Amino acid sequence: MERNEIIESKAQLLKYFTSSYKKKDDWKIGIEYEKFIIKSDLKPLDYFNGKESISNFFKTRIKLFGGTPEIEEGNIIAIYDKGYSLSLEPGGQIELSGTPYKNLHYASKEVEEHLKEIKTITNDWNSYWYVLGMNPFHKNEDIPWMPKLRYKIMKEYLIKKGHLSHKMMKQTATIQANIDYESEEDAINKLRIATALNSIVTAIFANSPIYNGNLNGFMSERAYTWKFTDPERCGIIKNLFSSNYSFEDYINYVLNVKMFLIKRDNKVINMTSMSFKDFMEKGYNGYKATYYDWTYHLSTVFPEVRLLKYIELRGADSQKPELAMAIPAIWKGILYNNSALEYSWELVKNLTYDERINWHEEVSRKGLKAKVRKYQTKDLAKELFNIAYESLKIQKELNEKNQDESIYLENLYEIVIKKGKSPAEYLVEKWENNYNKDLYKLLQYCKI
């Protein structure tokens, strides 16, 4: 479909998904890696204002390494290069949206190169890159908004829907994995099972226990902020666990969510008064819904696991490099092997919708110590880890050293699974017992 094709029927919306099928031999895995940057005096970087600024980061990246910029009102908001992109998040976070690869070995090399690049760009700055699920150094109001037109509309709209929406936008960071599907049945099965398992993955990678220099009472405050961002477009999709859920159901869900914007003639038009369904049926000020509008709107709906031309797994706090690749690894192990899918589904299939909701909130507070029914999340995490590990062994995607992709789970086993402690628990212990609540020591811990 052409990006400017007028959308007049659900059949056109359905084609977005059905045209995305890939044969199993062609399945790939992608990673999205968000990180923060902060000045050595612990002040946040603005987009503008001199050498140590987000705008200069983008300009220097192009100067040193190339790439094609995306520009809004004279400001670089993203760079596209070699199949991946670097994009700007609302509070100055920088996201790598990686190239989809056949295996994790290629993706790991790309992440390594990306981290070398960003540190080279800022080598002579008095600033540090760091990773946690949440910026722990600042109050939300002290962090400048980035000059991206979408964010202006989002911040004004979402704060009416959820009181933590600005915290979600400016202070959270995640690592996401993207996986393919071969049919509607396969897509819905993966969407359902991944959503059911998401609370376990959130607990394993919980890494945001500090806010504004104090313990916040959470293991993953990042996960909690989504509950109070916009209930219409966030959370666990209610009807997903019915046996007959389909693409049409997902389309209906997205159709009824309020839009953020459309773009016409290099202008951004606020559309927050309309759902996509209304826009498709009635138009707006002479504009009609296009295929591009639909693809853009799909990217503004934020369930815990999101269906696009691939399935986007959104449940993990951002991690230091030694654990970063474990996130796509655990999902590839589970979702790219039919036996692993079945075994992992057995862990969580009988929960009610309310139990899933309550469990996810408890996970945000207690991490691996959360319980659902009689089960400890840390015990479910061990089982899920074992399933993923064995699956990656079976998949047997080898690197030049003849190692399979299970190598990306080895650090996870040693640091988290073996001891039943998430990264957040280690950080809380260090914060209270070793760092004497010193933010400079915290930065040394989480910098990359």
Protein backbone atom coordinates (compact mmCIF):
# COMPACT_ATOMS: atom_id res chain seq x y z
CA MET A 1 0.00 0.00 0.00
CA GLU A 2 1.15 3.55 -0.74
CA ARG A 3 1.60 5.87 2.24
CA ASN A 4 -0.90 8.41 0.84
CA GLU A 5 -3.58 5.84 -0.04
CA ILE A 6 -6.92 6.91 1.45
CA ILE A 7 -8.24 4.49 4.07
CA GLU A 8 -11.89 3.68 3.56
CA SER A 9 -12.34 0.17 4.96
CA LYS A 10 -11.13 -2.18 7.68
CA ALA A 11 -9.84 -4.47 4.94
CA GLN A 12 -7.14 -1.89 4.23
CA LEU A 13 -6.22 -1.72 7.91
CA LEU A 14 -6.03 -5.50 8.04
CA LYS A 15 -3.64 -5.53 5.10
CA TYR A 16 -1.06 -3.73 7.24
CA PHE A 17 -0.75 -6.89 9.33
CA THR A 18 -1.32 -9.59 6.72
CA SER A 19 1.32 -8.06 4.44
CA SER A 20 3.84 -8.40 7.28
CA TYR A 21 3.92 -12.20 7.40
CA LYS A 22 7.39 -13.75 7.18
CA LYS A 23 8.34 -17.37 6.65
CA LYS A 24 9.99 -18.92 9.67
CA ASP A 25 13.34 -19.12 7.90
CA ASP A 26 13.17 -15.35 7.41
CA TRP A 27 12.37 -14.40 11.01
CA LYS A 28 14.64 -11.80 12.53
CA ILE A 29 15.14 -10.14 15.89
CA GLY A 30 15.58 -6.44 16.60
CA ILE A 31 16.55 -4.49 19.70
CA GLU A 32 15.70 -0.97 20.87
CA TYR A 33 18.03 0.41 23.52
CA GLU A 34 17.29 3.64 25.42
CA LYS A 35 19.84 5.45 27.54
CA PHE A 36 20.29 8.72 29.42
CA ILE A 37 23.05 11.32 29.37
CA ILE A 38 23.86 13.65 32.26
CA LYS A 39 26.45 16.33 33.00
CA SER A 40 29.17 15.55 35.53
CA ASP A 41 27.64 18.11 37.91
CA LEU A 42 24.41 16.05 37.68
CA LYS A 43 22.53 18.68 35.69
CA PRO A 44 20.39 17.50 32.77
CA LEU A 45 21.36 18.31 29.20
CA ASP A 46 19.16 20.68 27.25
CA TYR A 47 18.59 20.21 23.54
CA PHE A 48 20.20 23.57 22.79
CA ASN A 49 22.92 25.54 24.58
CA GLY A 50 26.40 24.76 23.42
CA LYS A 51 28.79 21.89 23.15
CA GLU A 52 27.20 19.60 25.76
CA SER A 53 23.73 19.53 24.27
CA ILE A 54 21.54 17.01 22.51
CA SER A 55 21.57 19.01 19.29
CA ASN A 56 25.37 18.98 19.25
CA PHE A 57 25.34 15.24 19.90
CA PHE A 58 23.31 14.69 16.74
CA LYS A 59 25.42 17.12 14.67
CA THR A 60 28.66 15.54 15.85
CA ARG A 61 27.36 12.05 15.16
CA ILE A 62 26.67 12.99 11.54
CA LYS A 63 30.05 14.69 11.24
CA LEU A 64 31.99 11.70 12.60
CA PHE A 65 29.93 8.74 11.42
CA GLY A 66 27.48 9.98 8.79
CA GLY A 67 23.75 9.28 8.57
CA THR A 68 20.66 11.05 7.30
CA PRO A 69 19.00 13.47 9.73
CA GLU A 70 15.27 13.88 10.28
CA ILE A 71 14.58 17.55 10.91
CA GLU A 72 11.61 19.36 12.45
CA GLU A 73 11.58 23.16 12.53
CA GLY A 74 15.33 23.19 11.99
CA ASN A 75 16.07 20.70 14.79
CA ILE A 76 17.52 17.22 14.28
CA ILE A 77 15.22 14.71 16.01
CA ALA A 78 16.60 11.47 14.56
CA ILE A 79 19.39 10.02 12.42
CA TYR A 80 18.94 7.11 10.00
CA ASP A 81 21.95 5.03 9.04
CA LYS A 82 22.64 1.50 7.73
CA GLY A 83 19.26 0.02 8.62
CA TYR A 84 19.02 1.45 12.14
CA SER A 85 18.17 4.81 13.67
CA LEU A 86 19.00 7.04 16.62
CA SER A 87 16.00 8.94 17.89
CA LEU A 88 15.20 11.56 20.50
CA GLU A 89 12.93 10.78 23.45
CA PRO A 90 11.00 13.48 25.38
CA GLY A 91 13.48 14.02 28.22
CA GLY A 92 16.64 13.77 26.14
CA GLN A 93 16.95 9.99 26.20
CA ILE A 94 18.58 8.60 23.04
CA GLU A 95 17.19 5.41 21.55
CA LEU A 96 18.95 3.02 19.23
CA SER A 97 16.36 1.29 17.04
CA GLY A 98 18.52 -1.52 15.78
CA THR A 99 18.62 -3.35 12.48
CA PRO A 100 16.58 -6.58 12.48
CA TYR A 101 19.02 -9.48 12.24
CA LYS A 102 18.78 -13.21 11.73
CA ASN A 103 20.47 -13.82 15.06
CA LEU A 104 21.56 -12.08 18.23
CA HIS A 105 25.26 -12.23 17.39
CA TYR A 106 24.85 -9.57 14.71
CA ALA A 107 22.57 -7.49 16.94
CA SER A 108 25.11 -7.66 19.77
CA LYS A 109 27.88 -6.36 17.52
CA GLU A 110 25.66 -3.48 16.44
CA VAL A 111 24.94 -2.55 20.06
CA GLU A 112 28.67 -2.67 20.87
CA GLU A 113 29.46 -0.38 17.94
CA HIS A 114 26.65 1.98 18.94
CA LEU A 115 27.96 2.30 22.50
CA LYS A 116 31.48 2.96 21.21
CA GLU A 117 30.13 5.62 18.87
CA ILE A 118 28.16 7.56 21.45
CA LYS A 119 31.08 7.53 23.87
CA THR A 120 33.43 8.70 21.12
CA ILE A 121 31.07 11.57 20.29
CA THR A 122 31.02 12.77 23.89
CA ASN A 123 34.58 11.76 24.78
CA ASP A 124 35.70 15.32 25.57
CA TRP A 125 32.45 16.30 27.30
CA ASN A 126 32.02 16.50 31.05
CA SER A 127 29.01 14.20 30.70
CA TYR A 128 28.20 10.54 31.19
CA TRP A 129 25.90 8.04 29.53
CA TYR A 130 24.03 5.87 31.99
CA VAL A 131 21.28 3.26 32.02
CA LEU A 132 18.49 2.56 34.49
CA GLY A 133 14.77 2.14 34.04
CA MET A 134 14.24 5.65 35.38
CA ASN A 135 16.26 8.85 35.71
CA PRO A 136 17.03 8.88 39.48
CA PHE A 137 18.77 12.24 39.63
CA HIS A 138 16.11 14.87 38.95
CA LYS A 139 12.62 16.06 39.62
CA ASN A 140 10.51 15.80 36.50
CA GLU A 141 10.02 19.56 36.25
CA ASP A 142 13.80 20.11 36.21
CA ILE A 143 14.24 18.13 32.98
CA PRO A 144 13.81 20.18 29.79
CA TRP A 145 11.40 19.01 27.13
CA MET A 146 12.91 18.12 23.78
CA PRO A 147 11.75 20.17 20.76
CA LYS A 148 9.86 17.44 18.91
CA LEU A 149 6.40 18.42 17.72
CA ARG A 150 4.84 15.12 18.66
CA TYR A 151 5.91 15.59 22.28
CA LYS A 152 4.24 18.95 22.65
CA ILE A 153 0.91 17.40 21.72
CA MET A 154 1.51 14.30 23.83
CA LYS A 155 2.48 16.19 26.98
CA GLU A 156 -0.60 18.42 26.82
CA TYR A 157 -2.98 15.56 26.11
CA LEU A 158 -1.60 12.76 28.28
CA ILE A 159 -1.40 14.78 31.50
CA LYS A 160 -5.19 14.98 31.34
CA LYS A 161 -5.32 11.18 31.20
CA GLY A 162 -2.69 10.16 33.72
CA HIS A 163 -0.81 12.08 36.39
CA LEU A 164 2.43 10.12 35.80
CA SER A 165 2.46 10.60 32.04
CA HIS A 166 5.16 13.28 32.10
CA LYS A 167 7.34 11.09 34.30
CA MET A 168 6.90 8.24 31.82
CA MET A 169 7.84 10.50 28.93
CA LYS A 170 10.87 12.30 30.36
CA GLN A 171 12.31 9.92 32.93
CA THR A 172 11.95 6.32 31.77
CA ALA A 173 14.14 4.12 29.60
CA THR A 174 13.68 0.59 28.36
CA ILE A 175 15.16 -2.12 26.19
CA GLN A 176 12.67 -3.60 23.75
CA ALA A 177 12.81 -6.66 21.53
CA ASN A 178 11.01 -6.97 18.19
CA ILE A 179 10.06 -10.34 16.69
CA ASP A 180 8.33 -11.56 13.53
CA TYR A 181 5.25 -13.67 12.84
CA GLU A 182 4.19 -15.93 9.97
CA SER A 183 0.38 -15.76 10.15
CA GLU A 184 -2.51 -14.28 12.06
CA GLU A 185 -2.65 -17.33 14.30
CA ASP A 186 1.06 -17.08 15.02
CA ALA A 187 0.90 -13.33 15.67
CA ILE A 188 -2.03 -13.56 18.10
CA ASN A 189 -0.52 -16.56 19.86
CA LYS A 190 2.76 -14.73 20.40
CA LEU A 191 0.98 -11.52 21.39
CA ARG A 192 -1.10 -13.36 23.97
CA ILE A 193 1.68 -15.48 25.45
CA ALA A 194 4.19 -12.63 25.52
CA THR A 195 1.66 -10.40 27.30
CA ALA A 196 1.02 -13.15 29.85
CA LEU A 197 4.76 -13.60 30.46
CA ASN A 198 5.57 -9.92 30.48
CA SER A 199 5.27 -9.51 34.25
CA ILE A 200 7.94 -12.16 34.76
CA VAL A 201 10.30 -10.37 32.36
CA THR A 202 9.53 -7.02 34.03
CA ALA A 203 10.47 -8.57 37.40
CA ILE A 204 13.69 -10.13 36.09
CA PHE A 205 14.89 -6.81 34.68
CA ALA A 206 13.44 -4.44 37.29
CA ASN A 207 15.94 -1.59 37.52
CA SER A 208 14.30 1.65 38.67
CA PRO A 209 14.11 1.83 42.49
CA ILE A 210 15.29 5.44 42.91
CA TYR A 211 13.63 8.74 42.02
CA ASN A 212 14.97 12.25 42.72
CA GLY A 213 17.71 10.89 44.96
CA ASN A 214 15.48 8.72 47.16
CA LEU A 215 14.19 5.16 47.20
CA ASN A 216 10.76 5.28 45.61
CA GLY A 217 9.18 2.11 47.02
CA PHE A 218 9.36 0.27 43.69
CA MET A 219 11.62 -2.21 41.98
CA SER A 220 10.40 -0.92 38.60
CA GLU A 221 8.82 2.48 38.93
CA ARG A 222 9.07 2.64 35.14
CA ALA A 223 6.52 -0.17 34.89
CA TYR A 224 4.25 1.56 37.40
CA THR A 225 4.21 4.88 35.54
CA TRP A 226 2.45 3.27 32.59
CA LYS A 227 -0.59 2.55 34.76
CA PHE A 228 -1.12 6.29 35.15
CA THR A 229 -0.23 7.46 31.64
CA ASP A 230 -3.39 6.80 29.62
CA PRO A 231 -5.59 3.79 30.45
CA GLU A 232 -7.13 3.93 26.97
CA ARG A 233 -3.87 3.19 25.17
CA CYS A 234 -1.71 1.48 27.81
CA GLY A 235 -1.68 -1.65 29.93
CA ILE A 236 -2.86 -5.20 29.27
CA ILE A 237 -5.38 -5.60 26.45
CA LYS A 238 -8.53 -6.85 28.14
CA ASN A 239 -9.96 -9.24 25.55
CA LEU A 240 -6.63 -10.62 24.39
CA PHE A 241 -7.02 -13.82 26.42
CA SER A 242 -10.27 -14.87 24.81
CA SER A 243 -9.72 -17.88 22.57
CA ASN A 244 -11.10 -16.19 19.45
CA TYR A 245 -9.12 -12.93 19.63
CA SER A 246 -8.06 -11.80 16.15
CA PHE A 247 -6.44 -9.06 14.10
CA GLU A 248 -9.88 -7.53 13.77
CA ASP A 249 -10.15 -7.26 17.55
CA TYR A 250 -6.78 -5.53 17.75
CA ILE A 251 -7.79 -3.19 14.94
CA ASN A 252 -11.01 -2.31 16.78
CA TYR A 253 -9.00 -1.61 19.93
CA VAL A 254 -6.65 0.76 18.09
CA LEU A 255 -9.45 2.39 16.09
CA ASN A 256 -11.16 3.57 19.26
CA VAL A 257 -8.05 5.18 20.79
CA LYS A 258 -7.76 8.95 20.46
CA MET A 259 -5.18 10.12 17.95
CA PHE A 260 -2.26 12.44 18.63
CA LEU A 261 -1.64 14.03 15.26
CA ILE A 262 -1.40 13.85 11.50
CA LYS A 263 1.27 15.39 9.29
CA ARG A 264 0.41 17.36 6.17
CA ASP A 265 2.73 19.59 4.11
CA ASN A 266 5.41 19.51 6.82
CA LYS A 267 2.87 20.67 9.38
CA VAL A 268 1.65 18.81 12.44
CA ILE A 269 -2.10 18.90 13.05
CA ASN A 270 -3.45 18.16 16.52
CA MET A 271 -5.99 15.30 16.35
CA THR A 272 -6.53 14.54 20.03
CA SER A 273 -10.25 15.26 19.76
CA MET A 274 -10.82 12.27 17.47
CA SER A 275 -10.39 8.52 17.47
CA PHE A 276 -8.97 6.99 14.32
CA LYS A 277 -12.38 5.44 13.70
CA ASP A 278 -13.97 8.90 13.65
CA PHE A 279 -11.23 10.25 11.42
CA MET A 280 -11.59 7.37 8.97
CA GLU A 281 -15.37 7.77 8.78
CA LYS A 282 -15.73 11.55 8.88
CA GLY A 283 -12.40 13.10 7.98
CA TYR A 284 -11.18 16.31 9.60
CA ASN A 285 -11.16 19.81 8.08
CA GLY A 286 -10.98 18.37 4.59
CA TYR A 287 -8.28 15.82 5.45
CA LYS A 288 -8.92 12.11 4.98
CA ALA A 289 -7.23 9.21 6.73
CA THR A 290 -4.28 7.73 4.84
CA TYR A 291 -2.32 4.52 5.16
CA TYR A 292 0.56 6.51 6.68
CA ASP A 293 -1.81 8.00 9.28
CA TRP A 294 -2.79 4.45 10.27
CA THR A 295 0.81 3.27 10.60
CA TYR A 296 1.64 6.34 12.66
CA HIS A 297 -1.40 5.92 14.90
CA LEU A 298 -0.45 2.30 15.60
CA SER A 299 2.84 3.60 17.02
CA THR A 300 1.00 5.85 19.50
CA VAL A 301 -0.83 2.99 21.24
CA PHE A 302 1.22 1.56 24.12
CA PRO A 303 0.00 -1.81 25.44
CA GLU A 304 2.54 -3.88 27.34
CA VAL A 305 3.14 -5.91 24.17
CA ARG A 306 2.38 -4.14 20.91
CA LEU A 307 1.36 -5.49 17.53
CA LEU A 308 2.90 -3.75 14.53
CA LYS A 309 4.48 -5.26 11.41
CA TYR A 310 6.33 -7.16 14.12
CA ILE A 311 5.60 -7.78 17.80
CA GLU A 312 7.21 -5.25 20.12
CA LEU A 313 8.04 -6.48 23.64
CA ARG A 314 8.10 -3.45 25.92
CA GLY A 315 8.31 -4.74 29.49
CA ALA A 316 11.95 -4.40 30.58
CA ASP A 317 13.80 -1.55 32.27
CA SER A 318 16.98 -0.44 30.53
CA GLN A 319 20.13 -2.31 31.56
CA LYS A 320 23.89 -2.00 31.54
CA PRO A 321 25.59 -3.66 28.54
CA GLU A 322 26.33 -6.91 30.36
CA LEU A 323 22.58 -7.60 30.68
CA ALA A 324 21.25 -5.72 27.66
CA MET A 325 21.30 -8.61 25.19
CA ALA A 326 19.60 -10.93 27.68
CA ILE A 327 16.31 -9.17 27.00
CA PRO A 328 16.02 -10.04 23.30
CA ALA A 329 17.63 -13.39 24.09
CA ILE A 330 15.00 -14.50 26.56
CA TRP A 331 12.22 -13.43 24.18
CA LYS A 332 13.80 -15.11 21.16
CA GLY A 333 14.19 -18.28 23.16
CA ILE A 334 10.53 -18.29 24.12
CA LEU A 335 8.84 -16.97 20.99
CA TYR A 336 10.84 -18.59 18.20
CA ASN A 337 10.30 -22.18 19.30
CA ASN A 338 6.87 -23.85 19.40
CA SER A 339 7.71 -26.14 22.31
CA ALA A 340 9.07 -23.20 24.31
CA LEU A 341 5.88 -21.27 23.59
CA GLU A 342 3.74 -24.13 24.86
CA TYR A 343 5.83 -24.77 27.98
CA SER A 344 5.96 -21.10 28.94
CA TRP A 345 2.22 -20.66 28.36
CA GLU A 346 1.60 -23.40 30.92
CA LEU A 347 3.18 -21.15 33.56
CA VAL A 348 0.59 -18.37 33.19
CA LYS A 349 -2.37 -19.52 31.11
CA ASN A 350 -4.94 -19.96 33.90
CA LEU A 351 -4.77 -16.48 35.43
CA THR A 352 -7.76 -14.17 35.24
CA TYR A 353 -7.51 -10.71 33.75
CA ASP A 354 -7.73 -9.10 37.21
CA GLU A 355 -4.98 -11.39 38.49
CA ARG A 356 -2.75 -10.34 35.61
CA ILE A 357 -3.38 -6.66 36.34
CA ASN A 358 -2.76 -7.01 40.08
CA TRP A 359 0.32 -9.17 39.56
CA HIS A 360 1.88 -6.63 37.22
CA GLU A 361 1.41 -3.85 39.76
CA GLU A 362 2.87 -6.00 42.54
CA VAL A 363 5.83 -6.79 40.29
CA SER A 364 6.45 -3.06 39.85
CA ARG A 365 6.68 -2.76 43.63
CA LYS A 366 8.29 -6.05 44.67
CA GLY A 367 9.99 -7.37 41.56
CA LEU A 368 10.92 -11.04 41.84
CA LYS A 369 9.42 -11.18 45.35
CA ALA A 370 5.92 -10.57 43.99
CA LYS A 371 3.44 -13.44 44.17
CA VAL A 372 0.59 -14.56 41.95
CA ARG A 373 -1.69 -17.17 43.48
CA LYS A 374 0.66 -19.58 45.24
CA TYR A 375 3.60 -18.85 42.95
CA GLN A 376 6.65 -16.74 43.66
CA THR A 377 7.64 -14.68 40.63
CA LYS A 378 11.29 -15.62 41.17
CA ASP A 379 10.38 -19.31 40.78
CA LEU A 380 8.45 -18.61 37.60
CA ALA A 381 11.46 -16.61 36.40
CA LYS A 382 13.76 -19.60 36.87
CA GLU A 383 11.41 -21.80 34.88
CA LEU A 384 11.07 -19.24 32.11
CA PHE A 385 14.83 -18.77 31.99
CA ASN A 386 15.41 -22.51 31.65
CA ILE A 387 12.88 -22.77 28.82
CA ALA A 388 14.49 -19.89 26.95
CA TYR A 389 18.02 -21.17 27.54
CA GLU A 390 17.26 -24.65 26.21
CA SER A 391 15.38 -23.21 23.27
CA LEU A 392 18.33 -21.07 22.21
CA LYS A 393 20.51 -24.18 22.41
CA ILE A 394 18.08 -25.97 20.10
CA GLN A 395 17.88 -23.02 17.68
CA LYS A 396 21.66 -23.33 17.32
CA GLU A 397 22.46 -19.96 15.77
CA LEU A 398 26.26 -19.96 16.00
CA ASN A 399 28.84 -17.18 15.98
CA GLU A 400 32.40 -17.39 14.66
CA LYS A 401 33.47 -19.05 17.93
CA ASN A 402 30.85 -21.76 17.48
CA GLN A 403 28.80 -20.38 20.40
CA ASP A 404 25.01 -20.36 20.27
CA GLU A 405 22.81 -17.49 21.47
CA SER A 406 22.47 -18.90 24.99
CA ILE A 407 25.71 -17.02 25.75
CA TYR A 408 23.59 -13.87 26.08
CA LEU A 409 21.77 -15.42 29.04
CA GLU A 410 24.88 -16.41 30.99
CA ASN A 411 25.31 -13.06 32.78
CA LEU A 412 21.60 -13.00 33.51
CA TYR A 413 21.88 -16.38 35.20
CA GLU A 414 24.84 -15.36 37.34
CA ILE A 415 23.53 -11.93 38.31
CA VAL A 416 19.76 -12.44 38.60
CA ILE A 417 18.42 -15.98 38.24
CA LYS A 418 20.96 -17.84 40.40
CA LYS A 419 20.44 -15.48 43.33
CA GLY A 420 16.79 -14.58 42.70
CA LYS A 421 17.60 -10.84 42.85
CA SER A 422 16.77 -8.27 40.20
CA PRO A 423 19.18 -5.44 39.33
CA ALA A 424 16.97 -3.14 41.42
CA GLU A 425 17.57 -5.19 44.56
CA TYR A 426 21.33 -4.97 44.13
CA LEU A 427 21.05 -1.23 43.62
CA VAL A 428 18.92 -0.74 46.74
CA GLU A 429 21.49 -2.64 48.80
CA LYS A 430 24.37 -0.56 47.44
CA TRP A 431 22.42 2.68 47.86
CA GLU A 432 21.70 2.00 51.51
CA ASN A 433 24.89 0.20 52.58
CA ASN A 434 27.72 1.34 50.31
CA TYR A 435 26.86 4.62 48.64
CA ASN A 436 25.49 6.47 51.68
CA LYS A 437 22.81 7.83 49.32
CA ASP A 438 25.48 9.67 47.31
CA LEU A 439 24.24 10.51 43.80
CA TYR A 440 27.78 10.75 42.42
CA LYS A 441 28.45 7.17 43.52
CA LEU A 442 25.15 6.16 41.98
CA LEU A 443 26.26 7.66 38.66
CA GLN A 444 29.51 5.69 38.79
CA TYR A 445 27.40 2.55 39.27
CA CYS A 446 25.05 3.04 36.36
CA LYS A 447 27.25 4.80 33.79
CA ILE A 448 28.32 2.98 30.64
